[in-house]
Amino acid sequence: MLAWHLGWRNVEHTEAFIEKLSYATAGKFQLTTDGWSAYPDAVSLSLGDRVSYAQVMKTYRSAHPQQSLESDCRYSPAKVLEIIKTPRGVIPI
């Protein structure tokens, strides 16, 4: 683990986490995050051109949409319907 941060999922805590990641890394590297809207600005601000960055967003569907909450299938993994990859900044590594 390079960095961790405990806090709310908001802009302030996102920036704090990415700043910690910046201090924990050296040189150029690749970073992929989920679709949280605060990540692109925080990554750009703290990591700049040191990172090749993309966001991956997945759309899910329940594995058993017709099952009740008490069903044995309640904890079955969801099915991935779609994966959207969005490059946010690419550098040669």
C-alpha atoms as a PDB file:
ATOM      1  CA  MET A   1       0.000   0.000   0.000  1.00  0.00           C
ATOM      2  CA  LEU A   2       1.493   3.328  -1.020  1.00  0.00           C
ATOM      3  CA  ALA A   3      -0.891   5.665   0.804  1.00  0.00           C
ATOM      4  CA  TRP A   4      -4.152   5.647   2.703  1.00  0.00           C
ATOM      5  CA  HIS A   5      -6.534   8.243   4.058  1.00  0.00           C
ATOM      6  CA  LEU A   6      -9.550   7.971   6.314  1.00  0.00           C
ATOM      7  CA  GLY A   7     -12.220  10.588   5.718  1.00  0.00           C
ATOM      8  CA  TRP A   8     -15.361  11.577   3.889  1.00  0.00           C
ATOM      9  CA  ARG A   9     -15.674  11.066   0.146  1.00  0.00           C
ATOM     10  CA  ASN A  10     -15.445  14.752  -0.696  1.00  0.00           C
ATOM     11  CA  VAL A  11     -13.051  17.115  -2.494  1.00  0.00           C
ATOM     12  CA  GLU A  12     -11.037  18.023   0.626  1.00  0.00           C
ATOM     13  CA  HIS A  13     -10.322  14.416   1.601  1.00  0.00           C
ATOM     14  CA  THR A  14      -9.716  13.369  -2.002  1.00  0.00           C
ATOM     15  CA  GLU A  15      -7.050  16.044  -2.349  1.00  0.00           C
ATOM     16  CA  ALA A  16      -5.484  15.001   0.970  1.00  0.00           C
ATOM     17  CA  PHE A  17      -5.313  11.365  -0.167  1.00  0.00           C
ATOM     18  CA  ILE A  18      -3.794  12.168  -3.575  1.00  0.00           C
ATOM     19  CA  GLU A  19      -1.269  14.489  -1.889  1.00  0.00           C
ATOM     20  CA  LYS A  20      -0.204  11.590   0.356  1.00  0.00           C
ATOM     21  CA  LEU A  21       0.111   9.418  -2.760  1.00  0.00           C
ATOM     22  CA  SER A  22       2.319  12.085  -4.308  1.00  0.00           C
ATOM     23  CA  TYR A  23       4.677  12.061  -1.306  1.00  0.00           C
ATOM     24  CA  ALA A  24       4.796   8.250  -1.321  1.00  0.00           C
ATOM     25  CA  THR A  25       5.843   7.941  -4.975  1.00  0.00           C
ATOM     26  CA  ALA A  26       8.755   8.985  -7.126  1.00  0.00           C
ATOM     27  CA  GLY A  27       9.075   9.182 -10.871  1.00  0.00           C
ATOM     28  CA  LYS A  28       6.403   8.411 -13.414  1.00  0.00           C
ATOM     29  CA  PHE A  29       3.711   5.791 -12.851  1.00  0.00           C
ATOM     30  CA  GLN A  30       0.266   4.662 -13.980  1.00  0.00           C
ATOM     31  CA  LEU A  31      -2.855   5.385 -11.904  1.00  0.00           C
ATOM     32  CA  THR A  32      -6.430   4.207 -12.377  1.00  0.00           C
ATOM     33  CA  THR A  33      -9.343   5.326 -10.185  1.00  0.00           C
ATOM     34  CA  ASP A  34     -13.078   4.892 -10.118  1.00  0.00           C
ATOM     35  CA  GLY A  35     -15.365   7.572 -11.555  1.00  0.00           C
ATOM     36  CA  TRP A  36     -15.427   9.884  -8.510  1.00  0.00           C
ATOM     37  CA  SER A  37     -15.574  13.414  -9.962  1.00  0.00           C
ATOM     38  CA  ALA A  38     -13.007  14.882  -7.539  1.00  0.00           C
ATOM     39  CA  TYR A  39     -10.160  12.628  -8.703  1.00  0.00           C
ATOM     40  CA  PRO A  40      -9.176  14.328 -12.014  1.00  0.00           C
ATOM     41  CA  ASP A  41      -8.528  17.742 -10.446  1.00  0.00           C
ATOM     42  CA  ALA A  42      -6.780  16.274  -7.394  1.00  0.00           C
ATOM     43  CA  VAL A  43      -4.543  14.069  -9.557  1.00  0.00           C
ATOM     44  CA  SER A  44      -3.689  16.975 -11.859  1.00  0.00           C
ATOM     45  CA  LEU A  45      -2.930  19.265  -8.919  1.00  0.00           C
ATOM     46  CA  SER A  46      -0.771  16.882  -6.874  1.00  0.00           C
ATOM     47  CA  LEU A  47       0.762  14.555  -9.457  1.00  0.00           C
ATOM     48  CA  GLY A  48       0.848  16.694 -12.588  1.00  0.00           C
ATOM     49  CA  ASP A  49       2.762  15.117 -15.449  1.00  0.00           C
ATOM     50  CA  ARG A  50       4.281  12.355 -13.283  1.00  0.00           C
ATOM     51  CA  VAL A  51       1.280  10.113 -13.858  1.00  0.00           C
ATOM     52  CA  SER A  52      -0.475   8.370 -16.709  1.00  0.00           C
ATOM     53  CA  TYR A  53      -4.037   8.574 -15.403  1.00  0.00           C
ATOM     54  CA  ALA A  54      -7.392   7.061 -16.364  1.00  0.00           C
ATOM     55  CA  GLN A  55     -10.777   6.501 -14.773  1.00  0.00           C
ATOM     56  CA  VAL A  56     -12.699   3.226 -15.060  1.00  0.00           C
ATOM     57  CA  MET A  57     -16.442   3.218 -14.464  1.00  0.00           C
ATOM     58  CA  LYS A  58     -18.438  -0.013 -14.261  1.00  0.00           C
ATOM     59  CA  THR A  59     -22.179  -0.503 -14.564  1.00  0.00           C
ATOM     60  CA  TYR A  60     -23.513  -3.449 -12.563  1.00  0.00           C
ATOM     61  CA  ARG A  61     -26.640  -5.576 -12.522  1.00  0.00           C
ATOM     62  CA  SER A  62     -27.590  -7.815  -9.638  1.00  0.00           C
ATOM     63  CA  ALA A  63     -26.674 -11.452 -10.198  1.00  0.00           C
ATOM     64  CA  HIS A  64     -30.188 -12.445  -9.075  1.00  0.00           C
ATOM     65  CA  PRO A  65     -32.507  -9.414  -9.393  1.00  0.00           C
ATOM     66  CA  GLN A  66     -35.660 -11.398  -8.580  1.00  0.00           C
ATOM     67  CA  GLN A  67     -34.344 -12.896  -5.319  1.00  0.00           C
ATOM     68  CA  SER A  68     -35.455 -11.581  -1.926  1.00  0.00           C
ATOM     69  CA  LEU A  69     -32.997 -10.199   0.614  1.00  0.00           C
ATOM     70  CA  GLU A  70     -33.330 -13.403   2.644  1.00  0.00           C
ATOM     71  CA  SER A  71     -32.372 -15.590  -0.313  1.00  0.00           C
ATOM     72  CA  ASP A  72     -29.206 -17.718  -0.372  1.00  0.00           C
ATOM     73  CA  CYS A  73     -28.159 -15.691  -3.440  1.00  0.00           C
ATOM     74  CA  ARG A  74     -28.165 -12.364  -1.565  1.00  0.00           C
ATOM     75  CA  TYR A  75     -24.378 -12.122  -1.482  1.00  0.00           C
ATOM     76  CA  SER A  76     -23.709 -13.339  -5.005  1.00  0.00           C
ATOM     77  CA  PRO A  77     -21.460 -11.033  -7.018  1.00  0.00           C
ATOM     78  CA  ALA A  78     -23.113  -8.539  -9.336  1.00  0.00           C
ATOM     79  CA  LYS A  79     -22.818  -8.893 -13.097  1.00  0.00           C
ATOM     80  CA  VAL A  80     -20.775  -6.233 -14.902  1.00  0.00           C
ATOM     81  CA  LEU A  81     -22.862  -4.838 -17.757  1.00  0.00           C
ATOM     82  CA  GLU A  82     -20.497  -2.171 -19.053  1.00  0.00           C
ATOM     83  CA  ILE A  83     -16.981  -0.851 -18.469  1.00  0.00           C
ATOM     84  CA  ILE A  84     -16.123   2.689 -19.554  1.00  0.00           C
ATOM     85  CA  LYS A  85     -12.431   3.666 -19.611  1.00  0.00           C
ATOM     86  CA  THR A  86     -11.648   7.386 -19.795  1.00  0.00           C
ATOM     87  CA  PRO A  87      -8.008   8.489 -20.266  1.00  0.00           C
ATOM     88  CA  ARG A  88      -7.354  11.677 -18.268  1.00  0.00           C
ATOM     89  CA  GLY A  89      -3.675  12.240 -18.936  1.00  0.00           C
ATOM     90  CA  VAL A  90      -1.239  10.013 -20.750  1.00  0.00           C
ATOM     91  CA  ILE A  91       2.539  10.166 -20.630  1.00  0.00           C
ATOM     92  CA  PRO A  92       5.124   7.734 -21.972  1.00  0.00           C
ATOM     93  CA  ILE A  93       6.341   5.515 -19.123  1.00  0.00           C
END
